[in-house]
């Protein structure tokens, strides 16, 4: 069980992004509602949510859609905080694909908030990481966020 839940500690989740293809054009690529399961490193309780990833390919370099989901799952399979998890996925996308820009949004429910303390069942935390063109161009960022339903 621990090997499966914490398997991301012994792997480089960014390696999945090395499988690449060429595509005509450089339109925004969006993958939404990627489920993930992680463990809060402070409370050792699960947090569960979905990741949404958008990237703007450079010179038509794209990766398989399953590779993005595998990258998310790999970083989630570690004791984590959601803020770092979001940044790690964005940074791996930048390192692996060298895109024009990356935008990652993660939404999760933390059982450390629902089972103890405030007991705020249903409360969700949203974190966003932007890199490259999505940092520099507010209209591009807005377009990507609208595609993600944000």
C-alpha atoms as a PDB file:
ATOM      1  CA  UNK A   1       0.000   0.000   0.000  1.00  0.00           C
ATOM      2  CA  UNK A   2       2.717   2.488   0.940  1.00  0.00           C
ATOM      3  CA  UNK A   3       4.646   1.759  -2.266  1.00  0.00           C
ATOM      4  CA  UNK A   4       1.558   2.714  -4.248  1.00  0.00           C
ATOM      5  CA  UNK A   5       0.530   5.748  -2.190  1.00  0.00           C
ATOM      6  CA  UNK A   6       4.059   7.175  -1.896  1.00  0.00           C
ATOM      7  CA  UNK A   7       5.549   5.782  -5.128  1.00  0.00           C
ATOM      8  CA  UNK A   8       6.232   9.290  -6.398  1.00  0.00           C
ATOM      9  CA  UNK A   9       9.106   9.574  -3.925  1.00  0.00           C
ATOM     10  CA  UNK A  10      11.185   7.129  -5.946  1.00  0.00           C
ATOM     11  CA  UNK A  11      10.451   8.429  -9.437  1.00  0.00           C
ATOM     12  CA  UNK A  12      10.809  11.511 -11.589  1.00  0.00           C
ATOM     13  CA  UNK A  13       7.226  12.265 -12.662  1.00  0.00           C
ATOM     14  CA  UNK A  14       8.551  14.652 -15.306  1.00  0.00           C
ATOM     15  CA  UNK A  15      10.034  11.703 -17.211  1.00  0.00           C
ATOM     16  CA  UNK A  16       6.577  10.938 -18.618  1.00  0.00           C
ATOM     17  CA  UNK A  17       6.677  14.225 -20.536  1.00  0.00           C
ATOM     18  CA  UNK A  18       9.729  13.151 -22.518  1.00  0.00           C
ATOM     19  CA  UNK A  19       7.473  11.188 -24.887  1.00  0.00           C
ATOM     20  CA  UNK A  20       6.726  13.885 -27.468  1.00  0.00           C
ATOM     21  CA  UNK A  21       5.145  14.370 -30.851  1.00  0.00           C
ATOM     22  CA  UNK A  22       4.974  17.100 -33.473  1.00  0.00           C
ATOM     23  CA  UNK A  23       1.762  18.891 -34.354  1.00  0.00           C
ATOM     24  CA  UNK A  24       0.940  21.634 -36.820  1.00  0.00           C
ATOM     25  CA  UNK A  25       0.182  24.968 -35.208  1.00  0.00           C
ATOM     26  CA  UNK A  26       0.576  26.123 -31.659  1.00  0.00           C
ATOM     27  CA  UNK A  27      -2.883  26.318 -30.131  1.00  0.00           C
ATOM     28  CA  UNK A  28      -3.561  25.978 -26.415  1.00  0.00           C
ATOM     29  CA  UNK A  29      -3.770  22.349 -25.298  1.00  0.00           C
ATOM     30  CA  UNK A  30      -6.068  21.725 -22.327  1.00  0.00           C
ATOM     31  CA  UNK A  31      -6.532  18.633 -20.203  1.00  0.00           C
ATOM     32  CA  UNK A  32      -9.212  19.019 -17.542  1.00  0.00           C
ATOM     33  CA  UNK A  33     -10.476  17.075 -14.571  1.00  0.00           C
ATOM     34  CA  UNK A  34      -7.430  14.874 -14.021  1.00  0.00           C
ATOM     35  CA  UNK A  35      -8.176  13.110 -10.719  1.00  0.00           C
ATOM     36  CA  UNK A  36      -5.430  13.012  -8.119  1.00  0.00           C
ATOM     37  CA  UNK A  37      -4.978  11.669  -4.609  1.00  0.00           C
ATOM     38  CA  UNK A  38      -2.287  12.873  -2.267  1.00  0.00           C
ATOM     39  CA  UNK A  39      -1.342  12.970   1.403  1.00  0.00           C
ATOM     40  CA  UNK A  40      -0.984  16.176   3.408  1.00  0.00           C
ATOM     41  CA  UNK A  41       2.579  16.229   4.703  1.00  0.00           C
ATOM     42  CA  UNK A  42       1.520  18.160   7.824  1.00  0.00           C
ATOM     43  CA  UNK A  43      -1.330  15.932   9.007  1.00  0.00           C
ATOM     44  CA  UNK A  44      -0.699  12.678   7.103  1.00  0.00           C
ATOM     45  CA  UNK A  45      -4.310  12.733   5.922  1.00  0.00           C
ATOM     46  CA  UNK A  46      -5.470  12.488   2.305  1.00  0.00           C
ATOM     47  CA  UNK A  47      -6.473  15.289   0.010  1.00  0.00           C
ATOM     48  CA  UNK A  48      -8.323  14.485  -3.169  1.00  0.00           C
ATOM     49  CA  UNK A  49      -9.106  16.607  -6.178  1.00  0.00           C
ATOM     50  CA  UNK A  50      -8.742  17.363  -9.838  1.00  0.00           C
ATOM     51  CA  UNK A  51      -5.999  19.035 -11.824  1.00  0.00           C
ATOM     52  CA  UNK A  52      -6.486  21.121 -14.951  1.00  0.00           C
ATOM     53  CA  UNK A  53      -3.448  21.713 -17.161  1.00  0.00           C
ATOM     54  CA  UNK A  54      -3.157  24.055 -20.128  1.00  0.00           C
ATOM     55  CA  UNK A  55      -0.051  24.643 -22.186  1.00  0.00           C
ATOM     56  CA  UNK A  56       0.899  26.509 -25.314  1.00  0.00           C
ATOM     57  CA  UNK A  57       3.257  24.300 -27.358  1.00  0.00           C
ATOM     58  CA  UNK A  58       6.500  25.699 -28.728  1.00  0.00           C
ATOM     59  CA  UNK A  59       7.070  24.840 -32.383  1.00  0.00           C
ATOM     60  CA  UNK A  60       4.373  22.153 -32.332  1.00  0.00           C
ATOM     61  CA  UNK A  61       6.013  20.038 -29.585  1.00  0.00           C
ATOM     62  CA  UNK A  62       3.261  18.195 -27.710  1.00  0.00           C
ATOM     63  CA  UNK A  63       3.056  15.197 -25.392  1.00  0.00           C
ATOM     64  CA  UNK A  64       0.508  12.427 -25.033  1.00  0.00           C
ATOM     65  CA  UNK A  65      -2.447  13.400 -22.886  1.00  0.00           C
ATOM     66  CA  UNK A  66      -1.956  10.397 -20.626  1.00  0.00           C
ATOM     67  CA  UNK A  67       1.569  11.642 -19.953  1.00  0.00           C
ATOM     68  CA  UNK A  68       0.217  14.801 -18.320  1.00  0.00           C
ATOM     69  CA  UNK A  69      -2.068  12.715 -16.092  1.00  0.00           C
ATOM     70  CA  UNK A  70       0.869  10.437 -15.191  1.00  0.00           C
ATOM     71  CA  UNK A  71       2.961  13.479 -14.276  1.00  0.00           C
ATOM     72  CA  UNK A  72       0.201  14.790 -11.987  1.00  0.00           C
ATOM     73  CA  UNK A  73      -0.237  11.351 -10.381  1.00  0.00           C
ATOM     74  CA  UNK A  74       3.512  10.983  -9.830  1.00  0.00           C
ATOM     75  CA  UNK A  75       3.911  14.268  -7.981  1.00  0.00           C
ATOM     76  CA  UNK A  76       0.706  13.611  -6.018  1.00  0.00           C
ATOM     77  CA  UNK A  77       2.086  10.240  -4.836  1.00  0.00           C
ATOM     78  CA  UNK A  78       4.264  11.946  -2.236  1.00  0.00           C
ATOM     79  CA  UNK A  79       3.593  13.622   1.080  1.00  0.00           C
ATOM     80  CA  UNK A  80       2.646  17.052  -0.226  1.00  0.00           C
ATOM     81  CA  UNK A  81       1.138  20.458   0.170  1.00  0.00           C
ATOM     82  CA  UNK A  82      -1.178  21.460  -2.647  1.00  0.00           C
ATOM     83  CA  UNK A  83       0.707  24.668  -3.398  1.00  0.00           C
ATOM     84  CA  UNK A  84       3.951  22.778  -4.043  1.00  0.00           C
ATOM     85  CA  UNK A  85       2.162  20.065  -6.016  1.00  0.00           C
ATOM     86  CA  UNK A  86       0.716  22.678  -8.373  1.00  0.00           C
ATOM     87  CA  UNK A  87       4.113  24.318  -8.878  1.00  0.00           C
ATOM     88  CA  UNK A  88       5.867  20.963  -9.413  1.00  0.00           C
ATOM     89  CA  UNK A  89       3.498  20.002 -12.229  1.00  0.00           C
ATOM     90  CA  UNK A  90       3.950  23.416 -13.889  1.00  0.00           C
ATOM     91  CA  UNK A  91       7.739  23.266 -13.556  1.00  0.00           C
ATOM     92  CA  UNK A  92       7.875  19.708 -14.940  1.00  0.00           C
ATOM     93  CA  UNK A  93       5.812  20.813 -17.957  1.00  0.00           C
ATOM     94  CA  UNK A  94       8.260  23.669 -18.562  1.00  0.00           C
ATOM     95  CA  UNK A  95      11.329  21.450 -18.163  1.00  0.00           C
ATOM     96  CA  UNK A  96       9.959  18.578 -20.228  1.00  0.00           C
ATOM     97  CA  UNK A  97       8.236  20.359 -23.096  1.00  0.00           C
ATOM     98  CA  UNK A  98       9.753  23.849 -23.116  1.00  0.00           C
ATOM     99  CA  UNK A  99       6.337  25.295 -24.062  1.00  0.00           C
ATOM    100  CA  UNK A 100       5.550  28.953 -24.634  1.00  0.00           C
ATOM    101  CA  UNK A 101       3.509  28.840 -21.430  1.00  0.00           C
ATOM    102  CA  UNK A 102       1.887  26.592 -18.825  1.00  0.00           C
ATOM    103  CA  UNK A 103      -1.087  27.083 -16.537  1.00  0.00           C
ATOM    104  CA  UNK A 104      -1.991  24.540 -13.839  1.00  0.00           C
ATOM    105  CA  UNK A 105      -5.085  24.759 -11.626  1.00  0.00           C
ATOM    106  CA  UNK A 106      -5.689  22.266  -8.833  1.00  0.00           C
ATOM    107  CA  UNK A 107      -8.837  21.956  -6.758  1.00  0.00           C
ATOM    108  CA  UNK A 108      -8.951  19.609  -3.783  1.00  0.00           C
ATOM    109  CA  UNK A 109     -10.787  18.737  -0.626  1.00  0.00           C
ATOM    110  CA  UNK A 110      -8.470  18.196   2.324  1.00  0.00           C
ATOM    111  CA  UNK A 111      -9.532  15.684   4.936  1.00  0.00           C
ATOM    112  CA  UNK A 112      -7.411  17.543   7.478  1.00  0.00           C
ATOM    113  CA  UNK A 113     -10.110  20.235   7.130  1.00  0.00           C
ATOM    114  CA  UNK A 114     -13.101  17.868   6.990  1.00  0.00           C
ATOM    115  CA  UNK A 115     -12.209  15.268   9.657  1.00  0.00           C
ATOM    116  CA  UNK A 116     -10.617  17.473  12.303  1.00  0.00           C
ATOM    117  CA  UNK A 117     -10.302  21.077  13.386  1.00  0.00           C
ATOM    118  CA  UNK A 118     -12.932  23.191  11.681  1.00  0.00           C
ATOM    119  CA  UNK A 119     -14.690  20.137  10.144  1.00  0.00           C
ATOM    120  CA  UNK A 120     -15.559  22.104   7.027  1.00  0.00           C
ATOM    121  CA  UNK A 121     -16.788  19.266   4.834  1.00  0.00           C
ATOM    122  CA  UNK A 122     -17.034  20.291   1.198  1.00  0.00           C
ATOM    123  CA  UNK A 123     -14.567  23.173   1.446  1.00  0.00           C
ATOM    124  CA  UNK A 124     -12.217  23.147  -1.533  1.00  0.00           C
ATOM    125  CA  UNK A 125      -8.810  24.691  -1.983  1.00  0.00           C
ATOM    126  CA  UNK A 126      -7.797  26.038  -5.393  1.00  0.00           C
ATOM    127  CA  UNK A 127      -4.188  26.699  -6.353  1.00  0.00           C
ATOM    128  CA  UNK A 128      -2.890  28.133  -9.621  1.00  0.00           C
ATOM    129  CA  UNK A 129       0.596  28.159 -11.131  1.00  0.00           C
ATOM    130  CA  UNK A 130       1.428  30.020 -14.337  1.00  0.00           C
ATOM    131  CA  UNK A 131       4.643  30.023 -16.316  1.00  0.00           C
ATOM    132  CA  UNK A 132       5.878  31.790 -19.449  1.00  0.00           C
ATOM    133  CA  UNK A 133       3.270  33.310 -21.759  1.00  0.00           C
ATOM    134  CA  UNK A 134       0.485  32.742 -19.219  1.00  0.00           C
ATOM    135  CA  UNK A 135       2.417  34.933 -16.756  1.00  0.00           C
ATOM    136  CA  UNK A 136       3.145  37.660 -19.273  1.00  0.00           C
ATOM    137  CA  UNK A 137      -0.137  37.926 -21.197  1.00  0.00           C
ATOM    138  CA  UNK A 138      -3.279  38.537 -19.122  1.00  0.00           C
ATOM    139  CA  UNK A 139      -5.629  37.946 -22.073  1.00  0.00           C
ATOM    140  CA  UNK A 140      -3.980  34.597 -22.858  1.00  0.00           C
ATOM    141  CA  UNK A 141      -4.222  33.631 -19.181  1.00  0.00           C
ATOM    142  CA  UNK A 142      -7.924  34.630 -19.179  1.00  0.00           C
ATOM    143  CA  UNK A 143      -8.545  32.556 -22.324  1.00  0.00           C
ATOM    144  CA  UNK A 144      -6.904  29.489 -20.754  1.00  0.00           C
ATOM    145  CA  UNK A 145      -8.806  29.927 -17.498  1.00  0.00           C
ATOM    146  CA  UNK A 146     -12.087  30.184 -19.412  1.00  0.00           C
ATOM    147  CA  UNK A 147     -11.237  26.964 -21.285  1.00  0.00           C
ATOM    148  CA  UNK A 148     -10.655  25.347 -17.894  1.00  0.00           C
ATOM    149  CA  UNK A 149     -14.016  26.609 -16.649  1.00  0.00           C
ATOM    150  CA  UNK A 150     -12.412  28.882 -14.060  1.00  0.00           C
END
